[in-house]
Structure formats: C-alpha cells, structure tokens
Amino acid sequence: MKRVIVGLSGGVDSAVAAFLLKREGYDVVGVTLRTWTGADGNESRCCEIDDARETARSIGIPYHVFNCVSAFEDKVVKPFVDDYLHGMTPNPCVVCNREIKWERLLYHAKVLGADLVATGHYACVVRLENGRYTVRKASHAEKDQTYMLYRLTQEQLARTLMPLGDYSKADVRETAREAGISVAEKPDSQEICFVADGDYADFIREHENGAVPGEGDFVDEAGRVLGRHRGVIHYTVGQRKGLGVAFGRPMYIKEIRADRNEIVLAGFEETYAKAVVCRDMNFMSIPEPETGEAVRCLAKVRYRHSGCGAALENLGGGSFRADFDAPVRFAAPGQSAVFYDEDGRLMCGGVISEVIFS
C-alpha cells in the first residue's frame, strides 16, 4: 500500500478525502498544520485540531499535529497586511497553498515515509502528454477551487492526490454521513481563515500597532474631490456599499491610490478593464512562452469570475499582458489572474500588477 499524508483541516472536505483514500486501499495518515491562533485562543478554520483529531479517530487513521505558526506569519500574514496598506487586494490562500500547506505536507511526508500528499480541494490533478502536471477544473463548477492552486510547482503536483474533483458538495456531505464522520454537517467557512470575523481593517490595525493610513479623499477620475474616506484599509476595488457618501447614482471603487491616500470612484460602466498586466507568473500545463509570443486562454481575474476569452502575451522582464475579448469588471492590483485552456486545465497564473481601462 502506498502511504499518503492527508491534510486535515477539521472540515468535512478533508475528512471525506481521507475516508475515500483509505477506502481505496491507501495507508492514510492524517496531519493538521497549526497555522494560526488568534488573540482569543481560537484556531483558524484551516486548523481546527479537535475536529480533525475526531475525524482521524472515526476513520481509523494515525494523526499528527505540526506547528507552522511562525512560517505562516512570515509568508502569509505579513504580506497580506502589507498589500492592504499599499491599496492592493491580496489572495493569502494562494500563497499559503504553495508556501505552507504543500511545502510542509511534503516535508512531513518524507519524515513519515509517505509517497504522496492529499487535500480536500475540489480539483483534479492531471498529467498531460507533454509530461507536465496541472489541475483541471472540478466537475461541479460551483465548488471548483483551481483558482487558488495556480502557484503549485510541478514537483508538488507530481506527488499530490485530490480525490474530490468529481464530487459535489452534496455528495461529500452524504458520504460523510454514511461514514459516520462527525463534521458531516459542519458549515463551510466564508472568510479568510485568520480573520474569522471578516474585519480586515481591525486585523491590520492590530498587526501594525495602529500605524495605518488615516482619512483621505474620494475623488473622481478627473481628480475632483467627492468626499472623505476612513482610510484605504477599509475598502476594496469594486465596493459600492459602505462608502459613507451619497451620490445621485451608484458609485463603485475603481482604484485605490495608497501613495496619495485617494480612492477613485466611478460609475458601473467605467469599472470595466480591457486588459491587465501580471507578474510572478507560474506555468503549469505549458512552458513559459517566448518574449513577444501570445497564447489563447480563458482568463479569471477573481475567484467568482466566470471567465473571459483572452490573449496572454509575454512582454519580457517577467511581465505578461492579458487582453480580454470583452471588457472585465473589477480587476484589482494584488488579485490573482488565472488562465485556462479550452478543456478547463490550468495553464498558468500570476498577480495583477496593473489594470488597463482604455
């Protein structure tokens, strides 16, 4: 039997992933990576150890907890705070997957004599005819999590199993009920795991000891002052509610200029972008194109974006430009842009560094 290390978060998805692999005949070992403990002593939703331990007991597998708090703080939390202070919209889960979850799971797999690691993500690991590994979109689009996995390396993917790729959430919960897994009805977390109450501004103030930008101006695209904002950490691109300023029509945050402590507001139609420029690209199903070469793809500029046809060109110097077939709304610097082929296989992804509106 091949030994596999399954990352148990304490939720139903990872629990069912472990159950399915054991049922298939793998020698399964459950592992929880302790990444975060809040000031109130509560653990993050990604490392609820009591629930994970009970899951391992009910399935009948060995279980271990490993501490990753310091690495998580350095590689995930600090960059998250810094990005918000600079007016960007970060994806901490993307960073965590590569730099913490997979790196540490594979390390502990080696220590525990395991061949593979597995998670409860809704995605499918595939190896293509060109020899490269990638992830394919889950069979049930509403749960697909490939957007969050684009930074995984070829070496990480080669040793990864994702058994839930063809399951719906209803299937997973029914499997958990039939297996007698105690977290079968546990609700999904909707927030970033280390900001349990969803109040990013309070979290950032606590981690910067209150040294955050104060009030500034709301401005229109011509630079005319429209009102006052509470500080850039309170806002994200695309936001309409909670601005604290009334207008004769709906207004949306189009841009956050942290260097000037300004937030640009515009009407809905003015928030559409024709292109984005990306950095820190990671290539999965294809090797990096030559400078000046463009490839066709389906682009997603946020997790809930349904996708849009695009041409992705290598500009050289580590920059890539995606020109959309139709304008895309609410693209934001710091957010991830992820690119797929026509079969739903992840080609590559990167961080949006510039949004081009016209």
Protein backbone atom coordinates (compact mmCIF):
# COMPACT_ATOMS: atom_id res chain seq x y z
CA MET A 1 0.00 0.00 0.00
CA LYS A 2 1.19 3.50 -0.77
CA ARG A 3 1.26 5.78 2.25
CA VAL A 4 -0.42 9.16 1.80
CA ILE A 5 -0.43 12.16 4.13
CA VAL A 6 -3.84 13.88 4.13
CA GLY A 7 -4.07 17.47 5.33
CA LEU A 8 -6.99 17.53 7.79
CA SER A 9 -8.39 20.99 8.47
CA GLY A 10 -11.22 19.87 10.73
CA GLY A 11 -13.79 20.37 7.96
CA VAL A 12 -15.89 17.90 6.02
CA ASP A 13 -14.00 18.11 2.71
CA SER A 14 -10.62 16.96 4.01
CA ALA A 15 -12.34 14.37 6.21
CA VAL A 16 -14.05 12.78 3.21
CA ALA A 17 -10.83 12.96 1.17
CA ALA A 18 -9.11 10.89 3.87
CA PHE A 19 -12.02 8.44 4.07
CA LEU A 20 -12.11 7.89 0.31
CA LEU A 21 -8.37 7.25 0.10
CA LYS A 22 -8.49 4.75 2.94
CA ARG A 23 -11.42 3.01 1.23
CA GLU A 24 -9.32 2.78 -1.94
CA GLY A 25 -6.61 0.94 -0.02
CA TYR A 26 -4.07 3.67 0.74
CA ASP A 27 -2.17 3.72 4.02
CA VAL A 28 -3.57 7.05 5.21
CA VAL A 29 -2.05 9.32 7.85
CA GLY A 30 -3.89 12.48 8.95
CA VAL A 31 -1.90 15.67 9.52
CA THR A 32 -3.02 19.10 10.69
CA LEU A 33 -0.73 22.09 10.22
CA ARG A 34 -1.29 24.56 13.05
CA THR A 35 -1.01 27.87 11.21
CA TRP A 36 -2.79 30.42 13.35
CA THR A 37 -4.12 31.04 16.83
CA GLY A 38 -5.97 34.29 17.47
CA ALA A 39 -5.63 36.56 20.48
CA ASP A 40 -8.79 34.94 21.89
CA GLY A 41 -7.17 31.50 21.66
CA ASN A 42 -9.35 30.33 18.79
CA GLU A 43 -7.72 28.41 15.94
CA SER A 44 -8.13 29.31 12.29
CA ARG A 45 -10.74 27.49 10.22
CA CYS A 46 -7.91 25.68 8.46
CA CYS A 47 -6.56 24.02 11.60
CA GLU A 48 -9.39 23.14 13.97
CA ILE A 49 -7.48 20.41 15.71
CA ASP A 50 -10.20 18.89 17.92
CA ASP A 51 -12.47 18.24 14.93
CA ALA A 52 -9.57 16.93 12.84
CA ARG A 53 -8.47 14.57 15.62
CA GLU A 54 -12.01 13.23 15.99
CA THR A 55 -12.21 12.71 12.23
CA ALA A 56 -8.99 10.68 12.26
CA ARG A 57 -10.28 8.60 15.18
CA SER A 58 -13.59 7.83 13.49
CA ILE A 59 -11.93 6.90 10.19
CA GLY A 60 -9.30 4.86 12.00
CA ILE A 61 -6.08 6.51 10.86
CA PRO A 62 -2.99 7.82 12.68
CA TYR A 63 -2.99 11.55 13.35
CA HIS A 64 -0.32 14.20 13.91
CA VAL A 65 -0.25 17.96 14.51
CA PHE A 66 2.68 20.07 13.34
CA ASN A 67 3.35 23.70 14.18
CA CYS A 68 3.70 26.19 11.30
CA VAL A 69 2.66 29.39 13.08
CA SER A 70 5.93 31.28 12.62
CA ALA A 71 6.25 30.43 8.91
CA PHE A 72 2.59 31.30 8.33
CA GLU A 73 3.06 34.69 9.99
CA ASP A 74 6.12 35.48 7.86
CA LYS A 75 4.96 34.14 4.49
CA VAL A 76 1.21 34.76 4.58
CA VAL A 77 0.07 37.22 7.24
CA LYS A 78 2.75 39.89 6.91
CA PRO A 79 2.49 40.09 3.08
CA PHE A 80 -1.32 40.23 3.41
CA VAL A 81 -1.13 43.21 5.75
CA ASP A 82 1.50 44.95 3.62
CA ASP A 83 -0.58 44.53 0.45
CA TYR A 84 -3.64 46.07 2.06
CA LEU A 85 -1.59 49.02 3.30
CA HIS A 86 -0.50 49.58 -0.30
CA GLY A 87 -4.04 49.53 -1.66
CA MET A 88 -3.91 46.04 -3.18
CA THR A 89 -6.30 43.09 -2.93
CA PRO A 90 -4.26 40.03 -1.90
CA ASN A 91 -5.06 36.31 -2.14
CA PRO A 92 -3.47 34.86 1.02
CA CYS A 93 -4.85 31.35 0.36
CA VAL A 94 -2.90 31.19 -2.91
CA VAL A 95 0.35 31.95 -1.11
CA CYS A 96 -0.45 29.60 1.76
CA ASN A 97 -1.12 26.66 -0.53
CA ARG A 98 2.34 26.67 -2.06
CA GLU A 99 4.49 28.14 0.69
CA ILE A 100 2.91 26.49 3.74
CA LYS A 101 0.46 23.66 3.06
CA TRP A 102 2.24 21.79 0.28
CA GLU A 103 5.76 22.62 1.39
CA ARG A 104 5.13 21.41 4.93
CA LEU A 105 2.94 18.43 3.99
CA LEU A 106 5.62 17.16 1.62
CA TYR A 107 8.30 17.68 4.25
CA HIS A 108 6.35 15.68 6.82
CA ALA A 109 5.51 13.07 4.18
CA LYS A 110 9.24 12.46 3.81
CA VAL A 111 9.67 12.23 7.58
CA LEU A 112 6.75 9.80 7.92
CA GLY A 113 7.77 7.68 4.94
CA ALA A 114 4.86 8.65 2.69
CA ASP A 115 4.88 8.71 -1.10
CA LEU A 116 2.07 11.21 -1.60
CA VAL A 117 0.07 14.04 -0.04
CA ALA A 118 -3.64 14.74 -0.46
CA THR A 119 -6.11 17.52 0.28
CA GLY A 120 -9.85 18.09 0.15
CA HIS A 121 -9.72 20.64 -2.66
CA TYR A 122 -12.33 20.44 -5.42
CA ALA A 123 -9.97 19.97 -8.38
CA CYS A 124 -8.31 17.17 -10.35
CA VAL A 125 -4.56 16.67 -10.72
CA VAL A 126 -3.70 15.56 -14.27
CA ARG A 127 -0.51 14.74 -16.14
CA LEU A 128 -0.52 15.83 -19.78
CA GLU A 129 1.04 14.28 -22.86
CA ASN A 130 3.83 16.87 -22.71
CA GLY A 131 4.81 15.42 -19.32
CA ARG A 132 3.69 18.46 -17.33
CA TYR A 133 1.32 18.37 -14.38
CA THR A 134 -1.61 20.72 -13.89
CA VAL A 135 -5.02 20.90 -12.24
CA ARG A 136 -8.29 20.56 -14.11
CA LYS A 137 -11.47 22.30 -13.02
CA ALA A 138 -13.76 20.31 -10.75
CA SER A 139 -16.73 18.58 -12.36
CA HIS A 140 -19.11 20.79 -10.37
CA ALA A 141 -18.26 24.37 -11.27
CA GLU A 142 -19.82 25.91 -8.16
CA LYS A 143 -17.15 24.32 -5.95
CA ASP A 144 -14.14 24.48 -8.28
CA GLN A 145 -11.02 25.60 -6.38
CA THR A 146 -8.37 25.55 -9.12
CA TYR A 147 -8.11 29.35 -8.97
CA MET A 148 -6.45 29.01 -5.55
CA LEU A 149 -3.97 26.36 -6.72
CA TYR A 150 -2.17 28.06 -9.60
CA ARG A 151 1.10 28.58 -7.72
CA LEU A 152 1.77 24.91 -7.04
CA THR A 153 5.00 23.64 -8.57
CA GLN A 154 5.48 20.68 -10.88
CA GLU A 155 7.24 18.82 -8.08
CA GLN A 156 4.36 19.46 -5.67
CA LEU A 157 1.69 18.40 -8.17
CA ALA A 158 3.56 15.21 -9.08
CA ARG A 159 3.08 13.93 -5.53
CA THR A 160 -0.47 15.18 -4.92
CA LEU A 161 -3.89 13.50 -4.86
CA MET A 162 -7.19 15.41 -4.87
CA PRO A 163 -9.96 12.82 -4.56
CA LEU A 164 -12.90 15.28 -4.52
CA GLY A 165 -12.53 16.58 -8.08
CA ASP A 166 -15.62 14.76 -9.35
CA TYR A 167 -17.74 15.20 -6.21
CA SER A 168 -20.40 17.82 -5.49
CA LYS A 169 -20.71 19.28 -2.00
CA ALA A 170 -23.93 17.30 -1.54
CA ASP A 171 -22.03 14.12 -2.47
CA VAL A 172 -19.33 14.91 0.08
CA ARG A 173 -21.79 15.52 2.90
CA GLU A 174 -23.74 12.35 2.08
CA THR A 175 -20.51 10.33 2.05
CA ALA A 176 -19.59 11.81 5.43
CA ARG A 177 -22.99 10.95 6.88
CA GLU A 178 -22.79 7.37 5.63
CA ALA A 179 -19.28 7.03 7.09
CA GLY A 180 -20.37 8.41 10.46
CA ILE A 181 -17.99 11.38 10.26
CA SER A 182 -18.95 13.90 12.95
CA VAL A 183 -18.32 17.02 10.83
CA ALA A 184 -20.73 15.94 8.06
CA GLU A 185 -22.99 18.97 8.65
CA LYS A 186 -20.28 21.45 9.61
CA PRO A 187 -20.78 24.70 7.64
CA ASP A 188 -18.16 25.98 5.24
CA SER A 189 -16.02 28.95 6.19
CA GLN A 190 -16.62 32.01 4.03
CA GLU A 191 -13.81 34.19 5.34
CA ILE A 192 -10.02 34.19 5.29
CA CYS A 193 -9.04 31.66 7.93
CA PHE A 194 -7.01 34.02 10.12
CA VAL A 195 -9.61 36.85 10.03
CA ALA A 196 -12.53 34.89 11.41
CA ASP A 197 -14.90 37.85 11.82
CA GLY A 198 -14.13 39.28 8.36
CA ASP A 199 -12.99 42.65 9.73
CA TYR A 200 -9.76 43.14 7.78
CA ALA A 201 -9.30 46.73 8.95
CA ASP A 202 -9.25 45.79 12.65
CA PHE A 203 -6.87 42.91 11.93
CA ILE A 204 -4.47 45.19 10.04
CA ARG A 205 -4.56 47.84 12.78
CA GLU A 206 -3.74 45.21 15.40
CA HIS A 207 -0.78 43.90 13.40
CA GLU A 208 0.58 47.35 12.61
CA ASN A 209 0.09 48.63 16.16
CA GLY A 210 -2.33 51.25 14.85
CA ALA A 211 0.19 52.75 12.39
CA VAL A 212 -2.12 52.75 9.38
CA PRO A 213 -3.15 55.47 6.88
CA GLY A 214 -5.90 57.76 8.12
CA GLU A 215 -8.67 59.61 6.33
CA GLY A 216 -8.28 60.75 2.76
CA ASP A 217 -10.27 61.87 -0.27
CA PHE A 218 -12.71 60.11 -2.51
CA VAL A 219 -12.06 61.51 -5.99
CA ASP A 220 -13.50 61.03 -9.46
CA GLU A 221 -11.41 60.07 -12.47
CA ALA A 222 -10.59 63.72 -13.14
CA GLY A 223 -9.27 64.17 -9.60
CA ARG A 224 -12.23 66.19 -8.27
CA VAL A 225 -12.84 65.61 -4.57
CA LEU A 226 -16.16 63.85 -3.89
CA GLY A 227 -15.92 63.30 -0.16
CA ARG A 228 -13.81 61.78 2.61
CA HIS A 229 -12.93 58.14 3.24
CA ARG A 230 -11.94 56.45 6.52
CA GLY A 231 -8.60 55.06 5.29
CA VAL A 232 -7.63 52.77 2.43
CA ILE A 233 -7.58 49.61 4.58
CA HIS A 234 -11.38 49.80 4.85
CA TYR A 235 -12.04 49.42 1.11
CA THR A 236 -11.58 47.11 -1.87
CA VAL A 237 -11.90 47.58 -5.62
CA GLY A 238 -15.49 47.00 -6.79
CA GLN A 239 -17.04 48.01 -3.46
CA ARG A 240 -20.29 50.02 -3.65
CA LYS A 241 -21.84 49.79 -0.20
CA GLY A 242 -20.44 51.32 2.95
CA LEU A 243 -18.75 54.28 1.27
CA GLY A 244 -20.44 56.76 3.61
CA VAL A 245 -21.06 59.24 0.79
CA ALA A 246 -24.32 59.68 -1.13
CA PHE A 247 -24.42 60.25 -4.90
CA GLY A 248 -27.16 60.62 -7.47
CA ARG A 249 -26.22 57.24 -8.97
CA PRO A 250 -24.45 54.06 -7.82
CA MET A 251 -20.71 54.61 -7.49
CA TYR A 252 -18.04 51.95 -7.23
CA ILE A 253 -14.42 51.90 -6.12
CA LYS A 254 -12.42 51.79 -9.34
CA GLU A 255 -8.92 52.32 -7.99
CA ILE A 256 -7.12 52.71 -4.65
CA ARG A 257 -4.15 55.11 -4.78
CA ALA A 258 -2.49 54.35 -1.48
CA ASP A 259 0.54 56.52 -2.26
CA ARG A 260 -1.77 59.57 -2.38
CA ASN A 261 -4.31 58.25 0.13
CA GLU A 262 -7.00 58.62 -2.53
CA ILE A 263 -9.80 56.33 -3.62
CA VAL A 264 -11.18 56.75 -7.14
CA LEU A 265 -14.94 56.34 -7.57
CA ALA A 266 -16.70 55.78 -10.88
CA GLY A 267 -19.96 54.59 -12.38
CA PHE A 268 -20.50 50.91 -13.15
CA GLU A 269 -19.58 51.17 -16.84
CA GLU A 270 -16.29 52.91 -16.04
CA THR A 271 -15.07 49.98 -13.92
CA TYR A 272 -14.60 47.65 -16.91
CA ALA A 273 -10.99 46.91 -17.91
CA LYS A 274 -9.76 45.84 -21.33
CA ALA A 275 -6.50 44.27 -20.12
CA VAL A 276 -4.31 43.50 -17.11
CA VAL A 277 -0.57 43.14 -16.67
CA CYS A 278 0.64 40.32 -14.40
CA ARG A 279 3.86 39.45 -12.58
CA ASP A 280 5.10 36.44 -10.61
CA MET A 281 3.69 34.04 -13.20
CA ASN A 282 3.70 30.30 -12.54
CA PHE A 283 3.27 27.98 -15.52
CA MET A 284 1.54 24.62 -15.17
CA SER A 285 0.21 22.95 -18.32
CA ILE A 286 2.53 24.86 -20.67
CA PRO A 287 6.12 26.09 -20.50
CA GLU A 288 6.65 29.85 -20.39
CA PRO A 289 6.08 31.39 -23.85
CA GLU A 290 8.92 33.23 -25.55
CA THR A 291 9.07 37.03 -25.25
CA GLY A 292 6.55 38.51 -27.69
CA GLU A 293 4.63 35.24 -28.01
CA ALA A 294 0.90 35.21 -27.20
CA VAL A 295 -1.35 32.27 -26.31
CA ARG A 296 -5.12 31.98 -26.30
CA CYS A 297 -6.78 31.23 -22.97
CA LEU A 298 -9.77 31.70 -20.70
CA ALA A 299 -8.95 34.28 -18.02
CA LYS A 300 -10.34 34.62 -14.48
CA VAL A 301 -9.49 37.80 -12.57
CA ARG A 302 -11.17 36.83 -9.28
CA TYR A 303 -12.42 33.65 -7.65
CA ARG A 304 -16.10 34.11 -8.57
CA HIS A 305 -15.40 35.40 -12.09
CA SER A 306 -16.93 33.05 -14.69
CA GLY A 307 -14.04 33.72 -17.08
CA CYS A 308 -13.45 35.54 -20.36
CA GLY A 309 -11.54 34.72 -23.55
CA ALA A 310 -8.16 36.45 -23.70
CA ALA A 311 -4.77 36.62 -25.41
CA LEU A 312 -1.87 36.33 -22.95
CA GLU A 313 1.42 37.82 -24.17
CA ASN A 314 4.89 37.62 -22.67
CA LEU A 315 6.11 41.24 -22.52
CA GLY A 316 9.54 40.24 -21.26
CA GLY A 317 11.15 41.08 -17.94
CA GLY A 318 8.72 38.88 -16.05
CA SER A 319 5.59 40.77 -17.16
CA PHE A 320 2.63 39.31 -19.04
CA ARG A 321 -0.33 41.17 -20.54
CA ALA A 322 -3.79 39.64 -20.90
CA ASP A 323 -6.05 41.39 -23.41
CA PHE A 324 -9.68 40.38 -22.90
CA ASP A 325 -12.11 39.57 -25.72
CA ALA A 326 -14.72 41.58 -23.82
CA PRO A 327 -14.18 44.12 -21.01
CA VAL A 328 -13.91 42.67 -17.49
CA ARG A 329 -15.12 44.47 -14.38
CA PHE A 330 -13.44 44.90 -11.00
CA ALA A 331 -9.96 43.62 -11.82
CA ALA A 332 -7.70 44.73 -8.95
CA PRO A 333 -3.94 45.03 -8.39
CA GLY A 334 -2.77 42.35 -5.98
CA GLN A 335 -5.55 39.99 -7.02
CA SER A 336 -4.71 36.82 -8.93
CA ALA A 337 -5.36 36.33 -12.65
CA VAL A 338 -5.56 32.68 -13.66
CA PHE A 339 -5.60 31.29 -17.21
CA TYR A 340 -7.12 28.04 -18.52
CA ASP A 341 -7.21 26.14 -21.79
CA GLU A 342 -10.43 25.11 -23.57
CA ASP A 343 -10.60 21.88 -21.56
CA GLY A 344 -10.57 23.62 -18.17
CA ARG A 345 -6.94 22.79 -17.44
CA LEU A 346 -4.93 25.45 -15.66
CA MET A 347 -2.26 26.89 -17.95
CA CYS A 348 -0.72 29.49 -15.63
CA GLY A 349 -1.48 32.30 -13.22
CA GLY A 350 0.03 35.42 -11.72
CA VAL A 351 -0.56 38.54 -9.65
CA ILE A 352 -2.20 41.55 -11.28
CA SER A 353 0.21 44.47 -11.16
CA GLU A 354 -1.65 46.89 -13.46
CA VAL A 355 -5.21 47.29 -14.71
CA ILE A 356 -5.70 48.92 -18.13
CA PHE A 357 -9.08 50.56 -18.61
CA SER A 358 -8.78 52.16 -22.05
